[in-house]
Amino acid sequence: MSTEDEILFAREGEIGLVTLNRPKALNALTHEMCLLLDAKLAEWEKDEGVRAVLIEGAGEKAFCAGGDIVKLYNEGKSGGDYPYRFYRDEYLLNARIKHFPKPYIALIDGIVMGGGVGVSVHGSHRIATERTLFAMPESGIGLFPDVGGSYFLPRCPGELGLYLGLTGARLKAADAVFAGIAKVYIESQKLPALKDALTAHDFKGDAGAEIDQVIARFTSDPGDAPITAIMDQINRHFSKGSVEEIIESLQGDGDPWAEKTAETLLSKSPTSMKLSFEELRRGSKLTFDDCMRMEFRMVNRVIRGVDFYEGTRAAVIDKDQSPVWNPATLQDVSDADIAAYFAVLPDGELF
């Protein structure tokens, strides 16, 4: 498959259509796909004939399961500059979507993780289906919740965002709507009719308001959000002042969910845990662009570290699920170590 086939663009009516077209790879983003999408959005932004953009993933399994992590691993291990270029251009794409002046409709039908979240959650119209499965699992591979995670996660209800960012917990449709990841719920079987209605629509004025009206004809109730049953616990434990205090609080709870959650946190990269905690606390007070600038500083340091490669090896390459983290414990990661990830980049910032 050529690069041009990995992401497809079309015009139907006054809608620009984007299809992430790597279904066998769960539509994972490559660097080339990021560049092509960014260029097309820049073109459509200026095209008065395009009133809105709709993005979806090919196949029935995934909207987009993340970035092409294997290539990032191989290129980074060899010392190439690909990871730096990939993350820079991916983050610039995330910012373009966030600031896109026209409605941006994401059909989040299937798995949406990591990089897939970055090309959906920042859009104006986000639609979940019964097949939606959201997660930010970066902490499990020695990374941190990026692609704007530092902005949208702290703005989830209560301490839900910190819980999601540290644990990598997965959410289905009702929970995704509750969290604000998606705005509405539509059954997947209705998506073709929704697309037909949008592409047939004759826009008269406020495109966002008119799209709201079209979407409203297809929405339904996703049901109660299961996550609400543990929100009190999430808020109580994850409001603590450090990762160590969160784990201590969870371990002292006596509840099976709390004990399992503590074990989950202790299994992940200690550096990632402390880095993600600090990132999300800082992000709650920053603008979106400042969050992306911060994440780019962080990822530049992560690429030069060890845990990202060890985590990816254990989870994706060798699949032994037995990473050997360095440093090995939370106590071995100092405040100064973490602060260094946030320092200004000597070779230039993201924007």
Protein backbone atom coordinates (compact mmCIF):
# COMPACT_ATOMS: atom_id res chain seq x y z
CA MET A 1 0.00 0.00 0.00
CA SER A 2 1.39 3.40 -0.96
CA THR A 3 1.45 6.34 1.42
CA GLU A 4 -1.29 7.98 -0.62
CA ASP A 5 -3.55 4.99 0.05
CA GLU A 6 -2.98 5.10 3.82
CA ILE A 7 -5.09 8.23 4.20
CA LEU A 8 -7.86 9.09 1.76
CA PHE A 9 -9.41 12.48 1.02
CA ALA A 10 -12.62 13.26 -0.82
CA ARG A 11 -15.20 16.00 -1.25
CA GLU A 12 -18.91 15.22 -1.05
CA GLY A 13 -21.26 18.15 -1.05
CA GLU A 14 -19.72 20.75 1.22
CA ILE A 15 -17.97 18.20 3.45
CA GLY A 16 -14.30 17.31 3.28
CA LEU A 17 -13.96 13.60 4.04
CA VAL A 18 -10.90 11.96 5.60
CA THR A 19 -10.46 8.20 5.93
CA LEU A 20 -7.59 6.71 7.93
CA ASN A 21 -7.00 3.69 5.73
CA ARG A 22 -4.71 1.19 7.48
CA PRO A 23 -7.34 -1.21 8.88
CA LYS A 24 -4.86 -4.10 9.29
CA ALA A 25 -2.74 -1.80 11.49
CA LEU A 26 -5.85 -0.50 13.29
CA ASN A 27 -5.39 2.73 11.30
CA ALA A 28 -2.24 3.66 13.26
CA LEU A 29 -0.80 7.02 12.24
CA THR A 30 2.44 7.28 10.32
CA HIS A 31 4.49 10.45 9.94
CA GLU A 32 3.43 10.70 6.31
CA MET A 33 -0.25 10.47 7.24
CA CYS A 34 0.19 13.34 9.72
CA LEU A 35 1.84 15.50 7.07
CA LEU A 36 -0.81 14.75 4.46
CA LEU A 37 -3.69 15.45 6.85
CA ASP A 38 -2.12 18.69 8.05
CA ALA A 39 -1.66 19.88 4.47
CA LYS A 40 -5.21 18.96 3.48
CA LEU A 41 -6.70 20.73 6.50
CA ALA A 42 -4.67 23.84 5.64
CA GLU A 43 -6.13 23.67 2.12
CA TRP A 44 -9.71 23.08 3.27
CA GLU A 45 -9.45 25.86 5.85
CA LYS A 46 -9.12 28.35 3.00
CA ASP A 47 -11.61 26.65 0.65
CA GLU A 48 -14.97 28.41 0.99
CA GLY A 49 -16.64 25.41 -0.64
CA VAL A 50 -15.71 23.20 2.32
CA ARG A 51 -17.97 24.01 5.26
CA ALA A 52 -16.89 21.13 7.53
CA VAL A 53 -14.53 18.15 7.77
CA LEU A 54 -15.44 14.59 8.74
CA ILE A 55 -12.79 12.02 9.75
CA GLU A 56 -13.26 8.28 10.21
CA GLY A 57 -11.25 5.05 10.25
CA ALA A 58 -11.48 2.21 7.74
CA GLY A 59 -12.81 -1.15 8.91
CA GLU A 60 -14.93 -2.02 11.92
CA LYS A 61 -12.26 -2.45 14.61
CA ALA A 62 -10.64 0.93 15.05
CA PHE A 63 -10.91 4.62 14.45
CA CYS A 64 -7.16 4.91 15.12
CA ALA A 65 -5.22 2.89 17.67
CA GLY A 66 -2.31 5.32 17.97
CA GLY A 67 1.00 6.13 16.32
CA ASP A 68 3.23 3.73 14.41
CA ILE A 69 5.10 2.76 17.56
CA VAL A 70 7.26 0.05 15.96
CA LYS A 71 8.83 2.50 13.52
CA LEU A 72 9.37 5.02 16.33
CA TYR A 73 11.11 2.28 18.32
CA ASN A 74 13.33 1.12 15.46
CA GLU A 75 14.25 4.62 14.28
CA GLY A 76 14.85 5.91 17.80
CA LYS A 77 17.02 2.94 18.76
CA SER A 78 19.18 3.54 15.69
CA GLY A 79 19.71 7.17 16.69
CA GLY A 80 17.83 8.71 13.78
CA ASP A 81 15.87 11.93 13.93
CA TYR A 82 12.59 10.34 12.81
CA PRO A 83 11.00 10.36 16.30
CA TYR A 84 11.70 14.09 16.70
CA ARG A 85 10.20 14.86 13.28
CA PHE A 86 7.21 12.57 13.87
CA TYR A 87 6.28 14.06 17.22
CA ARG A 88 6.84 17.65 16.06
CA ASP A 89 4.58 17.25 13.05
CA GLU A 90 2.00 15.18 14.94
CA TYR A 91 1.73 17.85 17.65
CA LEU A 92 1.46 20.62 15.03
CA LEU A 93 -1.39 18.63 13.45
CA ASN A 94 -3.09 18.33 16.85
CA ALA A 95 -2.85 22.11 17.21
CA ARG A 96 -4.27 22.69 13.73
CA ILE A 97 -7.27 20.52 14.60
CA LYS A 98 -7.79 22.31 17.91
CA HIS A 99 -7.76 25.71 16.18
CA PHE A 100 -9.55 24.60 12.98
CA PRO A 101 -12.09 27.33 12.25
CA LYS A 102 -14.68 25.01 10.72
CA PRO A 103 -16.61 22.09 12.24
CA TYR A 104 -14.42 18.99 12.54
CA ILE A 105 -16.49 15.84 12.96
CA ALA A 106 -14.78 12.70 14.29
CA LEU A 107 -16.61 9.38 14.01
CA ILE A 108 -14.91 7.57 16.91
CA ASP A 109 -16.19 4.13 15.91
CA GLY A 110 -13.92 1.47 17.40
CA ILE A 111 -10.57 1.67 19.18
CA VAL A 112 -9.21 5.18 19.78
CA MET A 113 -5.93 5.44 21.62
CA GLY A 114 -2.89 7.70 21.71
CA GLY A 115 -2.39 9.37 18.35
CA GLY A 116 -5.97 8.53 17.37
CA VAL A 117 -7.18 10.61 20.30
CA GLY A 118 -5.04 13.47 19.01
CA VAL A 119 -6.86 13.56 15.67
CA SER A 120 -10.33 13.30 17.20
CA VAL A 121 -10.71 14.74 20.71
CA HIS A 122 -9.62 18.27 19.72
CA GLY A 123 -12.32 18.53 17.05
CA SER A 124 -15.59 20.34 17.56
CA HIS A 125 -17.91 17.34 17.02
CA ARG A 126 -16.97 13.97 18.52
CA ILE A 127 -19.25 10.97 18.12
CA ALA A 128 -18.97 7.70 20.05
CA THR A 129 -20.61 4.40 19.11
CA GLU A 130 -21.15 1.09 20.90
CA ARG A 131 -17.76 0.02 19.47
CA THR A 132 -15.83 2.95 20.95
CA LEU A 133 -12.92 1.93 23.17
CA PHE A 134 -10.85 4.85 24.45
CA ALA A 135 -7.54 4.77 26.31
CA MET A 136 -4.36 6.77 26.79
CA PRO A 137 -1.98 3.84 27.45
CA GLU A 138 1.31 5.70 27.02
CA SER A 139 2.42 5.31 30.63
CA GLY A 140 2.61 1.56 30.03
CA ILE A 141 5.39 1.97 27.47
CA GLY A 142 7.53 4.50 29.31
CA LEU A 143 5.94 7.54 27.68
CA PHE A 144 3.27 9.97 28.96
CA PRO A 145 -0.23 11.01 27.81
CA ASP A 146 0.68 13.25 24.88
CA VAL A 147 -1.12 14.53 21.73
CA GLY A 148 -2.75 17.16 23.95
CA GLY A 149 -3.41 14.84 26.87
CA SER A 150 -1.95 17.47 29.17
CA TYR A 151 -4.82 19.75 28.12
CA PHE A 152 -7.93 17.57 27.83
CA LEU A 153 -7.30 15.04 30.62
CA PRO A 154 -7.15 17.62 33.46
CA ARG A 155 -10.44 19.00 32.13
CA CYS A 156 -12.31 15.72 32.57
CA PRO A 157 -14.67 15.57 35.59
CA GLY A 158 -12.94 15.53 38.97
CA GLU A 159 -9.72 13.52 39.02
CA LEU A 160 -10.85 11.23 36.19
CA GLY A 161 -8.23 12.57 33.79
CA LEU A 162 -5.33 11.86 36.13
CA TYR A 163 -6.71 8.38 36.77
CA LEU A 164 -6.94 7.72 33.02
CA GLY A 165 -3.51 9.17 32.33
CA LEU A 166 -1.70 7.22 35.04
CA THR A 167 -3.49 3.87 34.73
CA GLY A 168 -4.26 3.76 31.00
CA ALA A 169 -7.77 2.58 31.94
CA ARG A 170 -10.16 1.97 29.05
CA LEU A 171 -13.51 3.65 28.56
CA LYS A 172 -16.45 2.54 26.45
CA ALA A 173 -19.07 4.81 24.91
CA ALA A 174 -21.10 5.95 27.93
CA ASP A 175 -17.96 6.62 29.94
CA ALA A 176 -16.36 8.45 27.00
CA VAL A 177 -19.36 10.77 26.79
CA PHE A 178 -19.33 11.32 30.57
CA ALA A 179 -15.62 12.15 30.43
CA GLY A 180 -16.12 14.62 27.58
CA ILE A 181 -13.96 12.60 25.21
CA ALA A 182 -17.02 12.25 22.98
CA LYS A 183 -19.94 14.66 22.87
CA VAL A 184 -22.75 12.39 21.67
CA TYR A 185 -23.59 8.73 21.10
CA ILE A 186 -24.83 7.29 17.81
CA GLU A 187 -25.26 3.61 17.00
CA SER A 188 -22.65 2.51 14.45
CA GLN A 189 -25.32 1.24 12.06
CA LYS A 190 -26.61 4.82 11.74
CA LEU A 191 -23.27 6.34 10.73
CA PRO A 192 -23.73 5.82 6.96
CA ALA A 193 -27.07 7.62 7.11
CA LEU A 194 -25.48 10.40 9.16
CA LYS A 195 -22.74 10.82 6.55
CA ASP A 196 -25.33 10.91 3.79
CA ALA A 197 -27.29 13.59 5.65
CA LEU A 198 -24.21 15.70 6.21
CA THR A 199 -22.92 15.48 2.65
CA ALA A 200 -26.41 16.25 1.28
CA HIS A 201 -26.91 19.23 3.58
CA ASP A 202 -27.19 22.64 1.97
CA PHE A 203 -25.49 24.99 4.40
CA LYS A 204 -27.16 28.36 4.86
CA GLY A 205 -25.42 30.02 7.80
CA ASP A 206 -23.75 28.81 11.00
CA ALA A 207 -22.21 25.52 9.92
CA GLY A 208 -21.61 24.34 13.49
CA ALA A 209 -25.19 24.91 14.56
CA GLU A 210 -26.55 23.27 11.41
CA ILE A 211 -24.34 20.22 11.94
CA ASP A 212 -25.58 20.03 15.54
CA GLN A 213 -29.12 19.83 14.19
CA VAL A 214 -28.26 17.10 11.68
CA ILE A 215 -26.38 15.03 14.27
CA ALA A 216 -29.24 15.41 16.78
CA ARG A 217 -31.52 13.42 14.45
CA PHE A 218 -29.33 10.34 14.90
CA THR A 219 -28.25 10.46 18.53
CA SER A 220 -29.47 8.22 21.32
CA ASP A 221 -28.77 7.67 25.01
CA PRO A 222 -25.59 5.63 25.65
CA GLY A 223 -26.95 4.61 29.05
CA ASP A 224 -25.45 5.10 32.47
CA ALA A 225 -21.68 5.58 32.65
CA PRO A 226 -20.19 2.74 34.72
CA ILE A 227 -17.24 4.94 35.74
CA THR A 228 -19.56 7.08 37.87
CA ALA A 229 -19.82 4.20 40.37
CA ILE A 230 -16.16 4.68 41.32
CA MET A 231 -15.80 8.44 40.84
CA ASP A 232 -15.85 9.06 44.59
CA GLN A 233 -12.91 6.68 45.00
CA ILE A 234 -11.07 8.15 42.01
CA ASN A 235 -11.49 11.68 43.37
CA ARG A 236 -10.44 10.68 46.89
CA HIS A 237 -7.27 8.81 45.92
CA PHE A 238 -6.11 10.73 42.86
CA SER A 239 -6.41 14.15 44.49
CA LYS A 240 -3.28 13.41 46.51
CA GLY A 241 -0.12 15.46 46.09
CA SER A 242 2.19 12.84 44.56
CA VAL A 243 2.22 9.43 42.91
CA GLU A 244 3.56 7.89 46.12
CA GLU A 245 0.68 9.40 48.12
CA ILE A 246 -1.86 8.12 45.57
CA ILE A 247 -0.48 4.59 45.82
CA GLU A 248 -0.36 4.74 49.62
CA SER A 249 -3.96 5.93 49.69
CA LEU A 250 -5.07 3.15 47.33
CA GLN A 251 -3.24 0.48 49.30
CA GLY A 252 -4.85 1.65 52.53
CA ASP A 253 -8.37 1.51 51.12
CA GLY A 254 -8.97 -2.23 51.53
CA ASP A 255 -11.14 -2.31 48.39
CA PRO A 256 -10.26 -4.80 45.60
CA TRP A 257 -10.51 -2.08 42.93
CA ALA A 258 -8.15 0.17 44.90
CA GLU A 259 -5.65 -2.64 45.47
CA LYS A 260 -5.66 -3.57 41.77
CA THR A 261 -5.25 0.07 40.77
CA ALA A 262 -2.24 0.43 43.07
CA GLU A 263 -0.70 -2.70 41.52
CA THR A 264 -1.27 -1.21 38.06
CA LEU A 265 0.54 1.99 38.97
CA LEU A 266 3.45 0.09 40.52
CA SER A 267 3.88 -2.01 37.36
CA LYS A 268 4.50 1.02 35.15
CA SER A 269 7.64 3.05 34.54
CA PRO A 270 8.35 5.04 37.71
CA THR A 271 9.67 7.88 35.56
CA SER A 272 6.48 7.84 33.46
CA MET A 273 4.33 7.87 36.57
CA LYS A 274 6.00 10.94 38.05
CA LEU A 275 6.35 12.64 34.69
CA SER A 276 2.67 12.12 33.83
CA PHE A 277 1.54 13.32 37.24
CA GLU A 278 3.53 16.54 36.92
CA GLU A 279 2.45 17.02 33.30
CA LEU A 280 -1.26 16.79 34.08
CA ARG A 281 -1.04 19.01 37.13
CA ARG A 282 0.79 21.66 35.07
CA GLY A 283 -1.54 21.23 32.10
CA SER A 284 -4.61 22.09 34.15
CA LYS A 285 -3.36 25.68 34.31
CA LEU A 286 -2.02 26.07 30.75
CA THR A 287 -3.49 27.05 27.40
CA PHE A 288 -3.67 24.38 24.72
CA ASP A 289 -0.67 25.74 22.81
CA ASP A 290 1.40 25.93 25.98
CA CYS A 291 0.44 22.31 26.71
CA MET A 292 1.67 21.21 23.29
CA ARG A 293 4.87 23.19 23.75
CA MET A 294 5.38 21.47 27.10
CA GLU A 295 4.72 18.01 25.65
CA PHE A 296 7.26 18.59 22.91
CA ARG A 297 9.87 19.47 25.51
CA MET A 298 9.01 16.30 27.39
CA VAL A 299 9.02 13.95 24.42
CA ASN A 300 12.42 15.22 23.27
CA ARG A 301 13.86 14.05 26.59
CA VAL A 302 11.91 10.77 26.59
CA ILE A 303 13.33 9.86 23.17
CA ARG A 304 16.83 10.21 24.56
CA GLY A 305 16.00 8.07 27.60
CA VAL A 306 15.65 4.33 28.13
CA ASP A 307 12.18 3.52 29.48
CA PHE A 308 10.32 4.32 26.23
CA TYR A 309 12.38 1.73 24.36
CA GLU A 310 12.22 -0.82 27.16
CA GLY A 311 8.46 -0.36 27.55
CA THR A 312 7.86 -0.65 23.81
CA ARG A 313 10.10 -3.71 23.62
CA ALA A 314 8.20 -5.45 26.40
CA ALA A 315 4.72 -4.53 25.18
CA VAL A 316 5.03 -4.46 21.39
CA ILE A 317 8.31 -5.96 20.12
CA ASP A 318 9.07 -9.01 22.29
CA LYS A 319 5.64 -8.96 23.98
CA ASP A 320 7.01 -10.52 27.15
CA GLN A 321 5.19 -7.90 29.28
CA SER A 322 8.23 -7.81 31.58
CA PRO A 323 9.88 -4.40 31.27
CA VAL A 324 12.94 -3.61 33.35
CA TRP A 325 12.56 0.05 34.23
CA ASN A 326 15.49 2.35 34.92
CA PRO A 327 15.25 3.87 37.50
CA ALA A 328 13.41 0.90 38.98
CA THR A 329 11.43 2.57 41.79
CA LEU A 330 9.55 5.80 42.40
CA GLN A 331 11.98 6.65 45.20
CA ASP A 332 14.84 6.57 42.68
CA VAL A 333 13.23 9.28 40.51
CA SER A 334 14.04 12.68 41.97
CA ASP A 335 12.16 15.94 41.57
CA ALA A 336 15.20 17.30 39.74
CA ASP A 337 15.06 14.39 37.28
CA ILE A 338 11.44 15.23 36.46
CA ALA A 339 12.01 18.99 36.28
CA ALA A 340 14.62 18.46 33.57
CA TYR A 341 11.95 17.14 31.19
CA PHE A 342 10.15 20.51 31.28
CA ALA A 343 13.16 22.74 30.61
CA VAL A 344 13.22 24.97 27.53
CA LEU A 345 14.64 23.23 24.46
CA PRO A 346 18.01 24.68 23.42
CA ASP A 347 17.40 23.82 19.75
CA GLY A 348 14.01 25.50 19.43
CA GLU A 349 10.48 25.13 20.73
CA LEU A 350 7.49 23.56 18.99
CA PHE A 351 5.95 26.85 17.84
